[in-house]
Amino acid sequence: MIISFIQYLYLEGNQLTRLPNDLFIRLINLKWLDLRNNHLTSIPSSGLAKHRFLQYLLLSGNHLKTLPFELGKVKTLSALNLDGNPLIHPPFEIIKQGIKSIQQYLRDELHSDS
């Protein structure tokens, strides 16, 4: 079931450990997703690359080690909060350069795996 009316979803501090694989497929009009301070180890990639509205993705305070390559293809993304995650991929040198560098890195990695 597609849930088209949700644009803002605040899930901060809910001790979440996983998200549904089809989260971005079901929430097609999502603009703001606040997942700060949970226990997430991954973010679903299904539907992420083609998401047309996601602007804010707040992921600080989780257990993320990698970001999905598909995140690099989200053209509408303007804010990405990653503080407090033990990220390995992308490397810290890329992360500290900001969202555009992170997305470029992820896009490059996606194409090199094809």
C-alpha atoms as a PDB file:
ATOM      1  CA  MET A   1       0.000   0.000   0.000  1.00  0.00           C
ATOM      2  CA  ILE A   2       1.342   3.402  -0.999  1.00  0.00           C
ATOM      3  CA  ILE A   3       0.892   6.073   1.637  1.00  0.00           C
ATOM      4  CA  SER A   4       0.859   9.252  -0.384  1.00  0.00           C
ATOM      5  CA  PHE A   5      -0.221  11.806   2.210  1.00  0.00           C
ATOM      6  CA  ILE A   6       2.770  11.576   4.586  1.00  0.00           C
ATOM      7  CA  GLN A   7       5.338  14.282   3.904  1.00  0.00           C
ATOM      8  CA  TYR A   8       6.979  14.615   7.333  1.00  0.00           C
ATOM      9  CA  LEU A   9       7.874  11.631   9.493  1.00  0.00           C
ATOM     10  CA  TYR A  10       9.468  12.120  12.905  1.00  0.00           C
ATOM     11  CA  LEU A  11      10.807   8.903  14.414  1.00  0.00           C
ATOM     12  CA  GLU A  12      13.571  10.322  16.612  1.00  0.00           C
ATOM     13  CA  GLY A  13      14.502   8.354  19.728  1.00  0.00           C
ATOM     14  CA  ASN A  14      12.270   5.322  19.193  1.00  0.00           C
ATOM     15  CA  GLN A  15      14.981   2.656  19.585  1.00  0.00           C
ATOM     16  CA  LEU A  16      14.379   1.485  16.010  1.00  0.00           C
ATOM     17  CA  THR A  17      16.764  -1.217  14.839  1.00  0.00           C
ATOM     18  CA  ARG A  18      15.463  -1.631  11.283  1.00  0.00           C
ATOM     19  CA  LEU A  19      13.212  -0.003   8.738  1.00  0.00           C
ATOM     20  CA  PRO A  20      10.910  -1.656   6.199  1.00  0.00           C
ATOM     21  CA  ASN A  21      12.745  -2.445   2.956  1.00  0.00           C
ATOM     22  CA  ASP A  22       9.994  -0.717   0.984  1.00  0.00           C
ATOM     23  CA  LEU A  23       9.894   2.460   3.116  1.00  0.00           C
ATOM     24  CA  PHE A  24      10.785   4.806   0.245  1.00  0.00           C
ATOM     25  CA  ILE A  25       8.495   2.964  -2.180  1.00  0.00           C
ATOM     26  CA  ARG A  26       5.497   3.302   0.131  1.00  0.00           C
ATOM     27  CA  LEU A  27       6.138   6.885   1.245  1.00  0.00           C
ATOM     28  CA  ILE A  28       6.344   8.438  -2.188  1.00  0.00           C
ATOM     29  CA  ASN A  29       5.763  12.061  -1.100  1.00  0.00           C
ATOM     30  CA  LEU A  30       8.066  12.029   1.917  1.00  0.00           C
ATOM     31  CA  LYS A  31      10.035  15.280   2.243  1.00  0.00           C
ATOM     32  CA  TRP A  32      11.421  15.054   5.790  1.00  0.00           C
ATOM     33  CA  LEU A  33      12.545  11.887   7.579  1.00  0.00           C
ATOM     34  CA  ASP A  34      13.886  12.226  11.119  1.00  0.00           C
ATOM     35  CA  LEU A  35      15.533   9.006  12.304  1.00  0.00           C
ATOM     36  CA  ARG A  36      17.938  10.560  14.806  1.00  0.00           C
ATOM     37  CA  ASN A  37      18.987   8.711  17.945  1.00  0.00           C
ATOM     38  CA  ASN A  38      17.827   5.216  17.128  1.00  0.00           C
ATOM     39  CA  HIS A  39      19.774   1.944  16.718  1.00  0.00           C
ATOM     40  CA  LEU A  40      19.732   1.674  12.934  1.00  0.00           C
ATOM     41  CA  THR A  41      22.563  -0.177  11.220  1.00  0.00           C
ATOM     42  CA  SER A  42      21.298   0.388   7.668  1.00  0.00           C
ATOM     43  CA  ILE A  43      18.942   2.456   5.552  1.00  0.00           C
ATOM     44  CA  PRO A  44      16.749   0.758   2.925  1.00  0.00           C
ATOM     45  CA  SER A  45      17.777   1.361  -0.660  1.00  0.00           C
ATOM     46  CA  SER A  46      14.656   0.145  -2.507  1.00  0.00           C
ATOM     47  CA  GLY A  47      13.005   3.092  -4.218  1.00  0.00           C
ATOM     48  CA  LEU A  48      15.526   5.551  -2.821  1.00  0.00           C
ATOM     49  CA  ALA A  49      17.296   6.375  -6.088  1.00  0.00           C
ATOM     50  CA  LYS A  50      14.023   7.341  -7.767  1.00  0.00           C
ATOM     51  CA  HIS A  51      12.493   9.186  -4.828  1.00  0.00           C
ATOM     52  CA  ARG A  52      11.313  12.567  -6.094  1.00  0.00           C
ATOM     53  CA  PHE A  53      10.631  14.573  -2.936  1.00  0.00           C
ATOM     54  CA  LEU A  54      13.014  13.630  -0.093  1.00  0.00           C
ATOM     55  CA  GLN A  55      14.773  16.812   1.045  1.00  0.00           C
ATOM     56  CA  TYR A  56      15.813  16.185   4.652  1.00  0.00           C
ATOM     57  CA  LEU A  57      17.253  12.946   5.980  1.00  0.00           C
ATOM     58  CA  LEU A  58      18.326  13.116   9.622  1.00  0.00           C
ATOM     59  CA  LEU A  59      20.345  10.076  10.651  1.00  0.00           C
ATOM     60  CA  SER A  60      22.580  11.247  13.511  1.00  0.00           C
ATOM     61  CA  GLY A  61      23.049   9.084  16.571  1.00  0.00           C
ATOM     62  CA  ASN A  62      22.602   5.680  14.957  1.00  0.00           C
ATOM     63  CA  HIS A  63      24.957   2.758  14.210  1.00  0.00           C
ATOM     64  CA  LEU A  64      25.359   3.260  10.461  1.00  0.00           C
ATOM     65  CA  LYS A  65      28.638   2.059   8.971  1.00  0.00           C
ATOM     66  CA  THR A  66      27.674   2.505   5.319  1.00  0.00           C
ATOM     67  CA  LEU A  67      25.269   4.571   3.277  1.00  0.00           C
ATOM     68  CA  PRO A  68      23.372   3.050   0.355  1.00  0.00           C
ATOM     69  CA  PHE A  69      24.770   3.959  -3.072  1.00  0.00           C
ATOM     70  CA  GLU A  70      21.254   4.921  -4.155  1.00  0.00           C
ATOM     71  CA  LEU A  71      21.307   7.890  -1.779  1.00  0.00           C
ATOM     72  CA  GLY A  72      23.658   9.542  -4.261  1.00  0.00           C
ATOM     73  CA  LYS A  73      20.876   9.664  -6.835  1.00  0.00           C
ATOM     74  CA  VAL A  74      18.292  11.504  -4.694  1.00  0.00           C
ATOM     75  CA  LYS A  75      18.243  14.803  -6.602  1.00  0.00           C
ATOM     76  CA  THR A  76      15.990  16.632  -4.140  1.00  0.00           C
ATOM     77  CA  LEU A  77      18.107  15.944  -1.034  1.00  0.00           C
ATOM     78  CA  SER A  78      19.304  19.189   0.540  1.00  0.00           C
ATOM     79  CA  ALA A  79      20.098  18.122   4.131  1.00  0.00           C
ATOM     80  CA  LEU A  80      21.800  14.984   5.390  1.00  0.00           C
ATOM     81  CA  ASN A  81      22.680  14.708   9.073  1.00  0.00           C
ATOM     82  CA  LEU A  82      25.160  11.922   9.865  1.00  0.00           C
ATOM     83  CA  ASP A  83      26.849  12.939  13.143  1.00  0.00           C
ATOM     84  CA  GLY A  84      27.423  10.218  15.700  1.00  0.00           C
ATOM     85  CA  ASN A  85      27.528   7.248  13.301  1.00  0.00           C
ATOM     86  CA  PRO A  86      30.577   4.976  12.947  1.00  0.00           C
ATOM     87  CA  LEU A  87      30.600   5.471   9.164  1.00  0.00           C
ATOM     88  CA  ILE A  88      33.253   3.737   7.107  1.00  0.00           C
ATOM     89  CA  HIS A  89      31.634   4.210   3.701  1.00  0.00           C
ATOM     90  CA  PRO A  90      31.812   6.921   2.525  1.00  0.00           C
ATOM     91  CA  PRO A  91      35.101   7.764   4.203  1.00  0.00           C
ATOM     92  CA  PHE A  92      35.307  10.631   6.689  1.00  0.00           C
ATOM     93  CA  GLU A  93      37.295  12.755   4.194  1.00  0.00           C
ATOM     94  CA  ILE A  94      34.265  12.712   1.899  1.00  0.00           C
ATOM     95  CA  ILE A  95      31.692  13.199   4.666  1.00  0.00           C
ATOM     96  CA  LYS A  96      33.375  16.328   5.990  1.00  0.00           C
ATOM     97  CA  GLN A  97      33.093  17.913   2.514  1.00  0.00           C
ATOM     98  CA  GLY A  98      29.301  17.904   2.723  1.00  0.00           C
ATOM     99  CA  ILE A  99      26.237  16.529   1.035  1.00  0.00           C
ATOM    100  CA  LYS A 100      27.229  17.173  -2.587  1.00  0.00           C
ATOM    101  CA  SER A 101      30.545  15.355  -2.167  1.00  0.00           C
ATOM    102  CA  ILE A 102      28.844  12.482  -0.356  1.00  0.00           C
ATOM    103  CA  GLN A 103      26.304  12.092  -3.137  1.00  0.00           C
ATOM    104  CA  GLN A 104      28.963  12.306  -5.860  1.00  0.00           C
ATOM    105  CA  TYR A 105      31.019   9.641  -4.099  1.00  0.00           C
ATOM    106  CA  LEU A 106      27.983   7.346  -3.785  1.00  0.00           C
ATOM    107  CA  ARG A 107      27.038   7.863  -7.438  1.00  0.00           C
ATOM    108  CA  ASP A 108      30.590   7.101  -8.549  1.00  0.00           C
ATOM    109  CA  GLU A 109      30.623   3.940  -6.439  1.00  0.00           C
ATOM    110  CA  LEU A 110      27.237   2.868  -7.798  1.00  0.00           C
ATOM    111  CA  HIS A 111      28.435   3.196 -11.372  1.00  0.00           C
ATOM    112  CA  SER A 112      31.725   1.436 -10.706  1.00  0.00           C
ATOM    113  CA  ASP A 113      29.838  -1.590  -9.318  1.00  0.00           C
ATOM    114  CA  SER A 114      27.634  -1.869 -12.432  1.00  0.00           C
END
